[in-house]
Amino acid sequence: MDYLERNYGIVKERMIFQMENSLALGRKLIDSELDTGILNFIVRPIVKAFYDYWAQHDARKGTLKQINIILEAGKKLLLNGNSEESFNNIIEENFPNFLKYDQVTYQCSKHHKNYEKLKNNSKDTFINYLKEVKTFLEVKEDVKDYGDLCRAAFKTKEIASRNLMTQLEYTENGIKIIEDDPSILSYPTGKKIIIKALRKGFDLTKNEFIEAIDDTYTE
């Protein structure tokens, strides 16, 4: 099954690329938010130091773990038989680890009244990721890069767009839970700044993903 390893490598490379872009964008947005407040010179060093440490250690390490969990779960699903029972078993086996390294829930209090909502949204996110990765990994056509793989996995722009919007909906749901009650965050300071950066980052990334699909299906 050479195609499986080929697809695995292509998807992993793409996911890591997206992770690095997101971390760089986050730092840029944190900086821009810190430039817009009279008293932000007080919290600036705290928030910057926190974000830089989080990005270099927890976020990068945790997201890489999640990438591997998703890809290995998708690979196992294909190798063990693509049945509903197998799919459900793999979800139950792997979601606890996925949640452990989830950077949204990780930064939130497990004792907060809205934590279960966030946890359930994370599970929905994982399930959708698994479905998407499975579709990518099972492509047998001759593909050279991510664009080829995407067009082979999702035959039309409409299908790819619908899949993207589903994933983005889960991401936005998670952000809205935090926006509606910032007290769920475990941050000692700078919550408003971080939430604003989170929202702006999502909006910018959403537009970039939509433009990427347009480019992929007009080549």
N, C-alpha and C. Protein backbone atom coordinates (compact mmCIF):
# COMPACT_ATOMS: atom_id res chain seq x y z
N MET A 1 0.84 -1.20 0.00
CA MET A 1 0.00 0.00 0.00
C MET A 1 0.88 1.26 0.00
N ASP A 2 1.68 1.40 -1.06
CA ASP A 2 2.58 2.54 -1.15
C ASP A 2 1.81 3.86 -1.16
N TYR A 3 0.63 3.86 -1.75
CA TYR A 3 -0.15 5.08 -1.84
C TYR A 3 -0.51 5.61 -0.45
N LEU A 4 -0.70 4.71 0.50
CA LEU A 4 -1.06 5.11 1.86
C LEU A 4 0.06 5.89 2.52
N GLU A 5 1.29 5.39 2.40
CA GLU A 5 2.43 6.08 2.98
C GLU A 5 2.69 7.40 2.25
N ARG A 6 2.51 7.39 0.94
CA ARG A 6 2.68 8.63 0.16
C ARG A 6 1.70 9.70 0.63
N ASN A 7 0.43 9.32 0.74
CA ASN A 7 -0.61 10.27 1.16
C ASN A 7 -0.38 10.75 2.59
N TYR A 8 0.04 9.82 3.44
CA TYR A 8 0.34 10.12 4.84
C TYR A 8 1.38 11.24 4.91
N GLY A 9 2.44 11.10 4.13
CA GLY A 9 3.52 12.09 4.12
C GLY A 9 3.06 13.45 3.61
N ILE A 10 2.26 13.44 2.55
CA ILE A 10 1.76 14.69 1.97
C ILE A 10 0.87 15.43 2.96
N VAL A 11 -0.06 14.71 3.58
CA VAL A 11 -0.99 15.33 4.53
C VAL A 11 -0.24 15.83 5.77
N LYS A 12 0.70 15.05 6.27
CA LYS A 12 1.46 15.47 7.45
C LYS A 12 2.24 16.75 7.18
N GLU A 13 2.88 16.80 6.03
CA GLU A 13 3.64 18.00 5.66
C GLU A 13 2.73 19.23 5.59
N ARG A 14 1.54 19.05 5.03
CA ARG A 14 0.60 20.16 4.91
C ARG A 14 0.11 20.62 6.28
N MET A 15 -0.19 19.68 7.16
CA MET A 15 -0.69 20.02 8.49
C MET A 15 0.37 20.75 9.32
N ILE A 16 1.62 20.34 9.18
CA ILE A 16 2.71 21.01 9.90
C ILE A 16 2.91 22.42 9.35
N PHE A 17 2.81 22.56 8.03
CA PHE A 17 2.91 23.87 7.39
C PHE A 17 1.82 24.81 7.93
N GLN A 18 0.60 24.31 8.02
CA GLN A 18 -0.51 25.12 8.54
C GLN A 18 -0.31 25.47 10.01
N MET A 19 0.24 24.54 10.78
CA MET A 19 0.52 24.80 12.18
C MET A 19 1.53 25.94 12.34
N GLU A 20 2.62 25.89 11.59
CA GLU A 20 3.65 26.93 11.69
C GLU A 20 3.09 28.29 11.28
N ASN A 21 2.27 28.31 10.24
CA ASN A 21 1.66 29.57 9.81
C ASN A 21 0.75 30.13 10.89
N SER A 22 -0.01 29.25 11.55
CA SER A 22 -0.94 29.69 12.59
C SER A 22 -0.19 30.27 13.79
N LEU A 23 0.91 29.64 14.18
CA LEU A 23 1.69 30.13 15.32
C LEU A 23 2.32 31.49 15.00
N ALA A 24 2.83 31.65 13.78
CA ALA A 24 3.42 32.92 13.37
C ALA A 24 2.36 34.02 13.31
N LEU A 25 1.19 33.67 12.78
CA LEU A 25 0.09 34.64 12.71
C LEU A 25 -0.36 35.04 14.11
N GLY A 26 -0.43 34.08 15.01
CA GLY A 26 -0.84 34.37 16.38
C GLY A 26 0.07 35.39 17.04
N ARG A 27 1.37 35.23 16.87
CA ARG A 27 2.34 36.18 17.46
C ARG A 27 2.15 37.57 16.86
N LYS A 28 1.93 37.62 15.55
CA LYS A 28 1.72 38.91 14.87
C LYS A 28 0.47 39.60 15.39
N LEU A 29 -0.60 38.84 15.58
CA LEU A 29 -1.86 39.42 16.06
C LEU A 29 -1.78 39.84 17.52
N ILE A 30 -1.07 39.07 18.32
CA ILE A 30 -0.85 39.46 19.72
C ILE A 30 -0.13 40.80 19.77
N ASP A 31 0.90 40.95 18.94
CA ASP A 31 1.64 42.21 18.88
C ASP A 31 0.73 43.37 18.50
N SER A 32 -0.12 43.17 17.50
CA SER A 32 -0.98 44.25 17.02
C SER A 32 -2.00 44.65 18.10
N GLU A 33 -2.51 43.66 18.84
CA GLU A 33 -3.46 43.97 19.91
C GLU A 33 -2.78 44.70 21.06
N LEU A 34 -1.54 44.37 21.33
CA LEU A 34 -0.80 45.01 22.43
C LEU A 34 -0.42 46.45 22.09
N ASP A 35 -0.46 46.80 20.80
CA ASP A 35 -0.13 48.15 20.38
C ASP A 35 -1.32 49.10 20.49
N THR A 36 -2.49 48.59 20.91
CA THR A 36 -3.70 49.40 20.88
C THR A 36 -4.29 49.64 22.26
N GLY A 37 -3.54 49.89 23.24
CA GLY A 37 -4.13 50.13 24.57
C GLY A 37 -3.21 50.96 25.43
N ILE A 38 -3.78 51.88 26.18
CA ILE A 38 -2.98 52.80 27.00
C ILE A 38 -2.16 52.05 28.05
N LEU A 39 -2.79 51.04 28.67
CA LEU A 39 -2.11 50.32 29.74
C LEU A 39 -1.44 49.03 29.29
N ASN A 40 -1.45 48.80 27.99
CA ASN A 40 -0.90 47.53 27.51
C ASN A 40 0.61 47.41 27.69
N PHE A 41 1.29 48.55 27.93
CA PHE A 41 2.72 48.46 28.19
C PHE A 41 2.98 47.68 29.48
N ILE A 42 1.97 47.60 30.35
CA ILE A 42 2.12 46.85 31.61
C ILE A 42 2.02 45.34 31.36
N VAL A 43 1.01 44.95 30.56
CA VAL A 43 0.80 43.51 30.33
C VAL A 43 1.59 42.99 29.14
N ARG A 44 2.14 43.91 28.31
CA ARG A 44 2.87 43.49 27.10
C ARG A 44 3.92 42.41 27.38
N PRO A 45 4.87 42.66 28.29
CA PRO A 45 5.91 41.64 28.51
C PRO A 45 5.37 40.33 29.03
N ILE A 46 4.30 40.39 29.83
CA ILE A 46 3.71 39.16 30.39
C ILE A 46 3.07 38.33 29.29
N VAL A 47 2.21 38.99 28.48
CA VAL A 47 1.50 38.29 27.42
C VAL A 47 2.46 37.78 26.36
N LYS A 48 3.42 38.61 25.96
CA LYS A 48 4.39 38.18 24.94
C LYS A 48 5.20 36.98 25.43
N ALA A 49 5.66 37.07 26.67
CA ALA A 49 6.46 35.98 27.22
C ALA A 49 5.63 34.70 27.30
N PHE A 50 4.39 34.85 27.72
CA PHE A 50 3.51 33.69 27.82
C PHE A 50 3.28 33.07 26.44
N TYR A 51 2.95 33.92 25.45
CA TYR A 51 2.65 33.41 24.12
C TYR A 51 3.88 32.75 23.51
N ASP A 52 5.03 33.39 23.62
CA ASP A 52 6.25 32.83 23.04
C ASP A 52 6.59 31.48 23.65
N TYR A 53 6.46 31.37 24.97
CA TYR A 53 6.74 30.09 25.62
C TYR A 53 5.73 29.04 25.18
N TRP A 54 4.45 29.43 25.18
CA TRP A 54 3.38 28.50 24.77
C TRP A 54 3.57 28.03 23.34
N ALA A 55 3.88 28.97 22.43
CA ALA A 55 4.03 28.63 21.02
C ALA A 55 5.22 27.69 20.81
N GLN A 56 6.32 27.98 21.48
CA GLN A 56 7.53 27.18 21.27
C GLN A 56 7.49 25.82 21.96
N HIS A 57 6.72 25.71 23.03
CA HIS A 57 6.72 24.46 23.80
C HIS A 57 5.37 23.74 23.72
N ASP A 58 4.39 24.21 24.45
CA ASP A 58 3.11 23.51 24.53
C ASP A 58 2.40 23.41 23.18
N ALA A 59 2.27 24.53 22.48
CA ALA A 59 1.47 24.55 21.26
C ALA A 59 2.10 23.70 20.16
N ARG A 60 3.37 23.93 19.90
CA ARG A 60 4.02 23.18 18.82
C ARG A 60 4.08 21.68 19.16
N LYS A 61 4.50 21.38 20.36
CA LYS A 61 4.61 19.98 20.78
C LYS A 61 3.23 19.30 20.79
N GLY A 62 2.23 19.99 21.35
CA GLY A 62 0.90 19.41 21.44
C GLY A 62 0.25 19.23 20.08
N THR A 63 0.40 20.22 19.20
CA THR A 63 -0.21 20.12 17.87
C THR A 63 0.44 19.03 17.04
N LEU A 64 1.75 18.88 17.15
CA LEU A 64 2.43 17.79 16.45
C LEU A 64 1.92 16.43 16.95
N LYS A 65 1.68 16.34 18.26
CA LYS A 65 1.11 15.10 18.82
C LYS A 65 -0.26 14.84 18.21
N GLN A 66 -1.08 15.89 18.12
CA GLN A 66 -2.42 15.74 17.55
C GLN A 66 -2.36 15.31 16.09
N ILE A 67 -1.45 15.89 15.34
CA ILE A 67 -1.29 15.53 13.93
C ILE A 67 -0.99 14.04 13.81
N ASN A 68 -0.07 13.56 14.63
CA ASN A 68 0.30 12.14 14.59
C ASN A 68 -0.87 11.25 15.01
N ILE A 69 -1.61 11.68 16.03
CA ILE A 69 -2.76 10.91 16.50
C ILE A 69 -3.80 10.77 15.39
N ILE A 70 -4.12 11.88 14.74
CA ILE A 70 -5.12 11.87 13.66
C ILE A 70 -4.67 10.98 12.50
N LEU A 71 -3.42 11.14 12.07
CA LEU A 71 -2.92 10.36 10.93
C LEU A 71 -2.83 8.87 11.25
N GLU A 72 -2.35 8.55 12.45
CA GLU A 72 -2.25 7.14 12.82
C GLU A 72 -3.63 6.50 12.97
N ALA A 73 -4.58 7.27 13.49
CA ALA A 73 -5.95 6.76 13.62
C ALA A 73 -6.56 6.52 12.25
N GLY A 74 -6.33 7.45 11.31
CA GLY A 74 -6.83 7.27 9.95
C GLY A 74 -6.21 6.08 9.26
N LYS A 75 -4.92 5.91 9.46
CA LYS A 75 -4.20 4.78 8.87
C LYS A 75 -4.73 3.46 9.44
N LYS A 76 -4.92 3.42 10.74
CA LYS A 76 -5.43 2.22 11.39
C LYS A 76 -6.83 1.88 10.90
N LEU A 77 -7.64 2.90 10.68
CA LEU A 77 -9.00 2.69 10.19
C LEU A 77 -8.99 2.01 8.83
N LEU A 78 -8.11 2.46 7.95
CA LEU A 78 -8.05 1.87 6.61
C LEU A 78 -7.49 0.45 6.64
N LEU A 79 -6.50 0.23 7.48
CA LEU A 79 -5.86 -1.09 7.54
C LEU A 79 -6.73 -2.13 8.24
N ASN A 80 -7.56 -1.68 9.19
CA ASN A 80 -8.36 -2.62 9.98
C ASN A 80 -9.77 -2.84 9.45
N GLY A 81 -10.08 -2.16 8.37
CA GLY A 81 -11.43 -2.32 7.81
C GLY A 81 -12.28 -1.11 8.09
N ASN A 82 -12.80 -0.53 7.05
CA ASN A 82 -13.51 0.73 7.15
C ASN A 82 -14.99 0.50 7.51
N SER A 83 -15.22 -0.01 8.71
CA SER A 83 -16.59 -0.28 9.15
C SER A 83 -16.99 0.75 10.21
N GLU A 84 -18.30 0.87 10.44
CA GLU A 84 -18.80 1.81 11.45
C GLU A 84 -18.30 1.44 12.84
N GLU A 85 -18.25 0.14 13.11
CA GLU A 85 -17.78 -0.32 14.42
C GLU A 85 -16.31 0.04 14.62
N SER A 86 -15.51 -0.20 13.58
CA SER A 86 -14.09 0.13 13.66
C SER A 86 -13.90 1.63 13.85
N PHE A 87 -14.68 2.42 13.13
CA PHE A 87 -14.60 3.88 13.22
C PHE A 87 -14.91 4.34 14.66
N ASN A 88 -15.97 3.82 15.22
CA ASN A 88 -16.37 4.21 16.58
C ASN A 88 -15.33 3.77 17.61
N ASN A 89 -14.76 2.57 17.43
CA ASN A 89 -13.74 2.08 18.35
C ASN A 89 -12.49 2.96 18.32
N ILE A 90 -12.11 3.36 17.10
CA ILE A 90 -10.92 4.19 16.95
C ILE A 90 -11.13 5.57 17.57
N ILE A 91 -12.33 6.09 17.45
CA ILE A 91 -12.65 7.37 18.08
C ILE A 91 -12.49 7.26 19.60
N GLU A 92 -13.09 6.23 20.19
CA GLU A 92 -13.04 6.06 21.64
C GLU A 92 -11.62 5.80 22.12
N GLU A 93 -10.82 5.10 21.32
CA GLU A 93 -9.44 4.79 21.70
C GLU A 93 -8.54 6.02 21.64
N ASN A 94 -8.77 6.87 20.66
CA ASN A 94 -7.82 7.95 20.38
C ASN A 94 -8.24 9.33 20.85
N PHE A 95 -9.53 9.55 21.07
CA PHE A 95 -9.95 10.89 21.45
C PHE A 95 -9.35 11.37 22.77
N PRO A 96 -9.24 10.51 23.81
CA PRO A 96 -8.64 11.01 25.05
C PRO A 96 -7.25 11.62 24.85
N ASN A 97 -6.43 11.01 24.00
CA ASN A 97 -5.10 11.57 23.73
C ASN A 97 -5.19 12.84 22.90
N PHE A 98 -6.11 12.86 21.93
CA PHE A 98 -6.32 14.06 21.12
C PHE A 98 -6.71 15.22 22.03
N LEU A 99 -7.61 14.97 22.97
CA LEU A 99 -8.06 16.00 23.90
C LEU A 99 -6.92 16.47 24.80
N LYS A 100 -6.10 15.54 25.22
CA LYS A 100 -4.97 15.86 26.10
C LYS A 100 -4.06 16.92 25.49
N TYR A 101 -3.89 16.85 24.16
CA TYR A 101 -2.99 17.79 23.48
C TYR A 101 -3.71 18.92 22.77
N ASP A 102 -5.03 19.03 22.97
CA ASP A 102 -5.80 20.10 22.34
C ASP A 102 -5.45 21.42 23.00
N GLN A 103 -5.01 22.39 22.19
CA GLN A 103 -4.49 23.63 22.75
C GLN A 103 -5.58 24.59 23.22
N VAL A 104 -6.81 24.37 22.80
CA VAL A 104 -7.91 25.21 23.28
C VAL A 104 -8.36 24.73 24.66
N THR A 105 -8.73 23.47 24.75
CA THR A 105 -9.20 22.94 26.04
C THR A 105 -8.08 22.93 27.08
N TYR A 106 -6.83 22.77 26.63
CA TYR A 106 -5.69 22.73 27.55
C TYR A 106 -5.56 24.04 28.32
N GLN A 107 -5.91 25.15 27.66
CA GLN A 107 -5.77 26.46 28.29
C GLN A 107 -7.03 26.89 29.06
N CYS A 108 -7.97 25.95 29.21
CA CYS A 108 -9.24 26.26 29.88
C CYS A 108 -9.42 25.42 31.14
N SER A 109 -10.18 25.96 32.08
CA SER A 109 -10.42 25.27 33.34
C SER A 109 -11.38 24.10 33.16
N LYS A 110 -10.95 22.94 33.60
CA LYS A 110 -11.79 21.74 33.52
C LYS A 110 -12.98 21.81 34.48
N HIS A 111 -12.93 22.74 35.41
CA HIS A 111 -14.00 22.87 36.40
C HIS A 111 -15.03 23.93 36.00
N HIS A 112 -14.80 24.56 34.88
CA HIS A 112 -15.73 25.60 34.44
C HIS A 112 -17.03 24.98 33.93
N LYS A 113 -18.13 25.71 34.09
CA LYS A 113 -19.45 25.19 33.70
C LYS A 113 -19.56 24.89 32.21
N ASN A 114 -18.74 25.57 31.39
CA ASN A 114 -18.81 25.38 29.93
C ASN A 114 -17.76 24.43 29.39
N TYR A 115 -16.98 23.84 30.29
CA TYR A 115 -15.89 22.97 29.81
C TYR A 115 -16.41 21.77 29.02
N GLU A 116 -17.52 21.18 29.46
CA GLU A 116 -18.07 20.02 28.75
C GLU A 116 -18.48 20.37 27.33
N LYS A 117 -19.00 21.58 27.15
CA LYS A 117 -19.34 22.04 25.80
C LYS A 117 -18.08 22.08 24.93
N LEU A 118 -17.02 22.61 25.51
CA LEU A 118 -15.75 22.72 24.79
C LEU A 118 -15.20 21.33 24.48
N LYS A 119 -15.30 20.43 25.44
CA LYS A 119 -14.82 19.06 25.27
C LYS A 119 -15.61 18.34 24.17
N ASN A 120 -16.93 18.49 24.18
CA ASN A 120 -17.77 17.85 23.16
C ASN A 120 -17.48 18.41 21.77
N ASN A 121 -17.20 19.71 21.72
CA ASN A 121 -16.86 20.33 20.43
C ASN A 121 -15.52 19.80 19.93
N SER A 122 -14.60 19.57 20.85
CA SER A 122 -13.30 19.01 20.49
C SER A 122 -13.47 17.59 19.93
N LYS A 123 -14.40 16.83 20.50
CA LYS A 123 -14.64 15.48 20.00
C LYS A 123 -15.24 15.52 18.60
N ASP A 124 -16.17 16.43 18.37
CA ASP A 124 -16.74 16.60 17.03
C ASP A 124 -15.66 16.98 16.03
N THR A 125 -14.74 17.83 16.48
CA THR A 125 -13.62 18.25 15.64
C THR A 125 -12.76 17.05 15.27
N PHE A 126 -12.45 16.23 16.27
CA PHE A 126 -11.63 15.04 16.03
C PHE A 126 -12.30 14.09 15.05
N ILE A 127 -13.59 13.86 15.22
CA ILE A 127 -14.33 12.96 14.33
C ILE A 127 -14.29 13.48 12.90
N ASN A 128 -14.48 14.78 12.74
CA ASN A 128 -14.46 15.35 11.40
C ASN A 128 -13.07 15.27 10.78
N TYR A 129 -12.03 15.52 11.59
CA TYR A 129 -10.65 15.37 11.12
C TYR A 129 -10.40 13.94 10.64
N LEU A 130 -10.87 12.98 11.41
CA LEU A 130 -10.64 11.58 11.08
C LEU A 130 -11.30 11.22 9.75
N LYS A 131 -12.51 11.71 9.54
CA LYS A 131 -13.21 11.46 8.27
C LYS A 131 -12.43 12.06 7.10
N GLU A 132 -11.93 13.28 7.31
CA GLU A 132 -11.18 13.97 6.25
C GLU A 132 -9.88 13.25 5.94
N VAL A 133 -9.15 12.89 7.00
CA VAL A 133 -7.87 12.21 6.81
C VAL A 133 -8.05 10.85 6.14
N LYS A 134 -9.09 10.13 6.52
CA LYS A 134 -9.38 8.85 5.88
C LYS A 134 -9.59 9.02 4.38
N THR A 135 -10.32 10.07 4.02
CA THR A 135 -10.58 10.34 2.60
C THR A 135 -9.28 10.63 1.86
N PHE A 136 -8.39 11.38 2.50
CA PHE A 136 -7.09 11.67 1.89
C PHE A 136 -6.23 10.41 1.76
N LEU A 137 -6.15 9.64 2.82
CA LEU A 137 -5.25 8.49 2.86
C LEU A 137 -5.63 7.39 1.88
N GLU A 138 -6.91 7.26 1.55
CA GLU A 138 -7.35 6.16 0.68
C GLU A 138 -7.26 6.47 -0.81
N VAL A 139 -6.74 7.65 -1.16
CA VAL A 139 -6.59 8.01 -2.58
C VAL A 139 -5.53 7.13 -3.23
N LYS A 140 -5.89 6.47 -4.31
CA LYS A 140 -4.97 5.57 -5.01
C LYS A 140 -4.43 6.15 -6.31
N GLU A 141 -5.03 7.23 -6.78
CA GLU A 141 -4.57 7.85 -8.02
C GLU A 141 -3.14 8.36 -7.89
N ASP A 142 -2.52 8.60 -9.02
CA ASP A 142 -1.16 9.13 -9.05
C ASP A 142 -1.19 10.61 -8.72
N VAL A 143 -0.67 10.99 -7.57
CA VAL A 143 -0.65 12.39 -7.15
C VAL A 143 0.77 12.79 -6.79
N LYS A 144 1.06 14.09 -7.00
CA LYS A 144 2.42 14.57 -6.76
C LYS A 144 2.52 15.47 -5.54
N ASP A 145 1.42 16.18 -5.23
CA ASP A 145 1.47 17.14 -4.13
C ASP A 145 0.09 17.25 -3.48
N TYR A 146 -0.01 18.20 -2.52
CA TYR A 146 -1.26 18.33 -1.78
C TYR A 146 -2.42 18.75 -2.69
N GLY A 147 -2.15 19.62 -3.65
CA GLY A 147 -3.19 20.04 -4.57
C GLY A 147 -3.77 18.87 -5.34
N ASP A 148 -2.88 18.02 -5.87
CA ASP A 148 -3.32 16.81 -6.58
C ASP A 148 -4.14 15.91 -5.66
N LEU A 149 -3.65 15.74 -4.44
CA LEU A 149 -4.31 14.86 -3.48
C LEU A 149 -5.69 15.39 -3.12
N CYS A 150 -5.79 16.69 -2.94
CA CYS A 150 -7.07 17.31 -2.59
C CYS A 150 -8.09 17.11 -3.71
N ARG A 151 -7.66 17.32 -4.95
CA ARG A 151 -8.58 17.17 -6.09
C ARG A 151 -8.99 15.71 -6.29
N ALA A 152 -8.09 14.79 -5.93
CA ALA A 152 -8.43 13.37 -6.06
C ALA A 152 -9.36 12.91 -4.94
N ALA A 153 -9.16 13.47 -3.74
CA ALA A 153 -9.97 13.08 -2.59
C ALA A 153 -11.37 13.69 -2.64
N PHE A 154 -11.42 14.96 -3.02
CA PHE A 154 -12.69 15.68 -3.11
C PHE A 154 -12.85 16.14 -4.56
N LYS A 155 -13.69 15.45 -5.29
CA LYS A 155 -13.72 15.57 -6.75
C LYS A 155 -14.12 16.94 -7.26
N THR A 156 -14.87 17.69 -6.48
CA THR A 156 -15.30 19.01 -6.93
C THR A 156 -14.98 20.07 -5.87
N LYS A 157 -14.94 21.31 -6.32
CA LYS A 157 -14.72 22.43 -5.41
C LYS A 157 -15.84 22.52 -4.38
N GLU A 158 -17.06 22.19 -4.79
CA GLU A 158 -18.21 22.26 -3.89
C GLU A 158 -18.06 21.28 -2.73
N ILE A 159 -17.61 20.07 -3.03
CA ILE A 159 -17.41 19.06 -1.98
C ILE A 159 -16.31 19.50 -1.03
N ALA A 160 -15.19 19.99 -1.59
CA ALA A 160 -14.08 20.44 -0.75
C ALA A 160 -14.49 21.62 0.12
N SER A 161 -15.26 22.54 -0.44
CA SER A 161 -15.71 23.72 0.29
C SER A 161 -16.65 23.33 1.42
N ARG A 162 -17.54 22.40 1.15
CA ARG A 162 -18.48 21.94 2.17
C ARG A 162 -17.72 21.28 3.33
N ASN A 163 -16.71 20.50 3.01
CA ASN A 163 -15.91 19.85 4.04
C ASN A 163 -15.16 20.89 4.88
N LEU A 164 -14.59 21.89 4.21
CA LEU A 164 -13.87 22.96 4.91
C LEU A 164 -14.79 23.72 5.84
N MET A 165 -15.98 24.08 5.36
CA MET A 165 -16.89 24.86 6.18
C MET A 165 -17.36 24.10 7.41
N THR A 166 -17.48 22.78 7.28
CA THR A 166 -17.85 21.97 8.44
C THR A 166 -16.77 22.06 9.52
N GLN A 167 -15.50 21.92 9.09
CA GLN A 167 -14.40 21.99 10.04
C GLN A 167 -14.30 23.38 10.66
N LEU A 168 -14.47 24.41 9.85
CA LEU A 168 -14.39 25.78 10.36
C LEU A 168 -15.52 26.08 11.35
N GLU A 169 -16.67 25.45 11.14
CA GLU A 169 -17.79 25.64 12.05
C GLU A 169 -17.46 25.13 13.45
N TYR A 170 -16.78 23.97 13.51
CA TYR A 170 -16.37 23.45 14.81
C TYR A 170 -15.36 24.38 15.49
N THR A 171 -14.43 24.90 14.69
CA THR A 171 -13.43 25.82 15.23
C THR A 171 -14.11 27.08 15.78
N GLU A 172 -15.06 27.62 15.02
CA GLU A 172 -15.75 28.82 15.47
C GLU A 172 -16.59 28.54 16.72
N ASN A 173 -17.20 27.37 16.79
CA ASN A 173 -17.97 27.02 17.99
C ASN A 173 -17.10 27.08 19.23
N GLY A 174 -15.88 26.55 19.12
CA GLY A 174 -14.95 26.58 20.25
C GLY A 174 -14.59 28.00 20.65
N ILE A 175 -14.34 28.85 19.66
CA ILE A 175 -14.00 30.24 19.95
C ILE A 175 -15.17 30.96 20.61
N LYS A 176 -16.38 30.71 20.13
CA LYS A 176 -17.56 31.37 20.68
C LYS A 176 -17.81 30.99 22.14
N ILE A 177 -17.53 29.75 22.49
CA ILE A 177 -17.68 29.33 23.88
C ILE A 177 -16.78 30.17 24.78
N ILE A 178 -15.56 30.43 24.31
CA ILE A 178 -14.61 31.24 25.08
C ILE A 178 -15.01 32.71 25.08
N GLU A 179 -15.45 33.21 23.92
CA GLU A 179 -15.86 34.61 23.83
C GLU A 179 -17.06 34.90 24.73
N ASP A 180 -17.99 33.96 24.80
CA ASP A 180 -19.21 34.16 25.59
C ASP A 180 -18.92 34.22 27.09
N ASP A 181 -17.87 33.52 27.52
CA ASP A 181 -17.51 33.54 28.95
C ASP A 181 -16.00 33.33 29.09
N PRO A 182 -15.22 34.43 28.98
CA PRO A 182 -13.76 34.35 29.04
C PRO A 182 -13.21 33.77 30.34
N SER A 183 -14.05 33.69 31.37
CA SER A 183 -13.57 33.17 32.65
C SER A 183 -13.15 31.70 32.55
N ILE A 184 -13.51 31.05 31.43
CA ILE A 184 -13.11 29.65 31.24
C ILE A 184 -11.61 29.53 31.01
N LEU A 185 -10.99 30.62 30.53
CA LEU A 185 -9.55 30.60 30.28
C LEU A 185 -8.76 30.58 31.58
N SER A 186 -7.66 29.84 31.56
CA SER A 186 -6.81 29.74 32.75
C SER A 186 -5.73 30.81 32.79
N TYR A 187 -5.67 31.68 31.75
CA TYR A 187 -4.65 32.72 31.71
C TYR A 187 -4.75 33.64 32.91
N PRO A 188 -3.63 34.02 33.50
CA PRO A 188 -3.66 34.94 34.64
C PRO A 188 -3.97 36.38 34.24
N THR A 189 -3.63 36.76 33.00
CA THR A 189 -3.85 38.12 32.53
C THR A 189 -3.92 38.15 31.01
N GLY A 190 -4.41 39.27 30.46
CA GLY A 190 -4.43 39.45 29.01
C GLY A 190 -5.48 38.64 28.28
N LYS A 191 -6.55 38.25 28.97
CA LYS A 191 -7.57 37.40 28.35
C LYS A 191 -8.23 38.08 27.15
N LYS A 192 -8.58 39.37 27.31
CA LYS A 192 -9.26 40.07 26.23
C LYS A 192 -8.37 40.17 24.99
N ILE A 193 -7.10 40.41 25.21
CA ILE A 193 -6.15 40.53 24.10
C ILE A 193 -6.04 39.21 23.35
N ILE A 194 -5.93 38.14 24.11
CA ILE A 194 -5.77 36.81 23.51
C ILE A 194 -7.04 36.40 22.75
N ILE A 195 -8.21 36.71 23.32
CA ILE A 195 -9.47 36.37 22.65
C ILE A 195 -9.63 37.16 21.35
N LYS A 196 -9.27 38.45 21.38
CA LYS A 196 -9.36 39.25 20.16
C LYS A 196 -8.42 38.70 19.08
N ALA A 197 -7.22 38.31 19.49
CA ALA A 197 -6.26 37.75 18.55
C ALA A 197 -6.75 36.42 18.01
N LEU A 198 -7.39 35.64 18.88
CA LEU A 198 -7.94 34.35 18.47
C LEU A 198 -9.01 34.54 17.40
N ARG A 199 -9.91 35.50 17.62
CA ARG A 199 -10.98 35.77 16.66
C ARG A 199 -10.42 36.29 15.34
N LYS A 200 -9.50 37.24 15.40
CA LYS A 200 -8.93 37.78 14.17
C LYS A 200 -8.17 36.70 13.41
N GLY A 201 -7.45 35.86 14.16
CA GLY A 201 -6.69 34.78 13.53
C GLY A 201 -7.60 33.81 12.81
N PHE A 202 -8.73 33.50 13.44
CA PHE A 202 -9.69 32.59 12.80
C PHE A 202 -10.24 33.20 11.52
N ASP A 203 -10.63 34.48 11.58
CA ASP A 203 -11.22 35.12 10.41
C ASP A 203 -10.23 35.19 9.25
N LEU A 204 -8.97 35.52 9.55
CA LEU A 204 -7.96 35.59 8.51
C LEU A 204 -7.66 34.21 7.92
N THR A 205 -7.54 33.22 8.81
CA THR A 205 -7.24 31.86 8.36
C THR A 205 -8.38 31.29 7.53
N LYS A 206 -9.60 31.58 7.93
CA LYS A 206 -10.78 31.13 7.19
C LYS A 206 -10.72 31.65 5.75
N ASN A 207 -10.42 32.92 5.60
CA ASN A 207 -10.32 33.50 4.26
C ASN A 207 -9.19 32.88 3.45
N GLU A 208 -8.06 32.62 4.12
CA GLU A 208 -6.92 31.99 3.44
C GLU A 208 -7.27 30.59 2.95
N PHE A 209 -7.98 29.82 3.79
CA PHE A 209 -8.38 28.47 3.40
C PHE A 209 -9.34 28.48 2.22
N ILE A 210 -10.28 29.44 2.23
CA ILE A 210 -11.23 29.54 1.11
C ILE A 210 -10.49 29.91 -0.18
N GLU A 211 -9.55 30.84 -0.08
CA GLU A 211 -8.76 31.22 -1.25
C GLU A 211 -7.91 30.05 -1.74
N ALA A 212 -7.40 29.24 -0.82
CA ALA A 212 -6.59 28.08 -1.19
C ALA A 212 -7.41 27.06 -1.98
N ILE A 213 -8.66 26.88 -1.58
CA ILE A 213 -9.53 25.96 -2.31
C ILE A 213 -9.81 26.50 -3.71
N ASP A 214 -10.04 27.83 -3.80
CA ASP A 214 -10.26 28.45 -5.12
C ASP A 214 -9.05 28.19 -6.02
N ASP A 215 -7.85 28.39 -5.47
CA ASP A 215 -6.63 28.17 -6.25
C ASP A 215 -6.47 26.71 -6.64
N THR A 216 -6.77 25.81 -5.70
CA THR A 216 -6.60 24.38 -5.96
C THR A 216 -7.49 23.88 -7.09
N TYR A 217 -8.70 24.39 -7.16
CA TYR A 217 -9.65 23.89 -8.15
C TYR A 217 -9.75 24.75 -9.41
N THR A 218 -8.80 25.69 -9.55
CA THR A 218 -8.72 26.45 -10.80
C THR A 218 -7.40 26.21 -11.52
N GLU A 219 -6.59 25.29 -10.96
CA GLU A 219 -5.29 24.97 -11.60
C GLU A 219 -5.52 24.16 -12.86
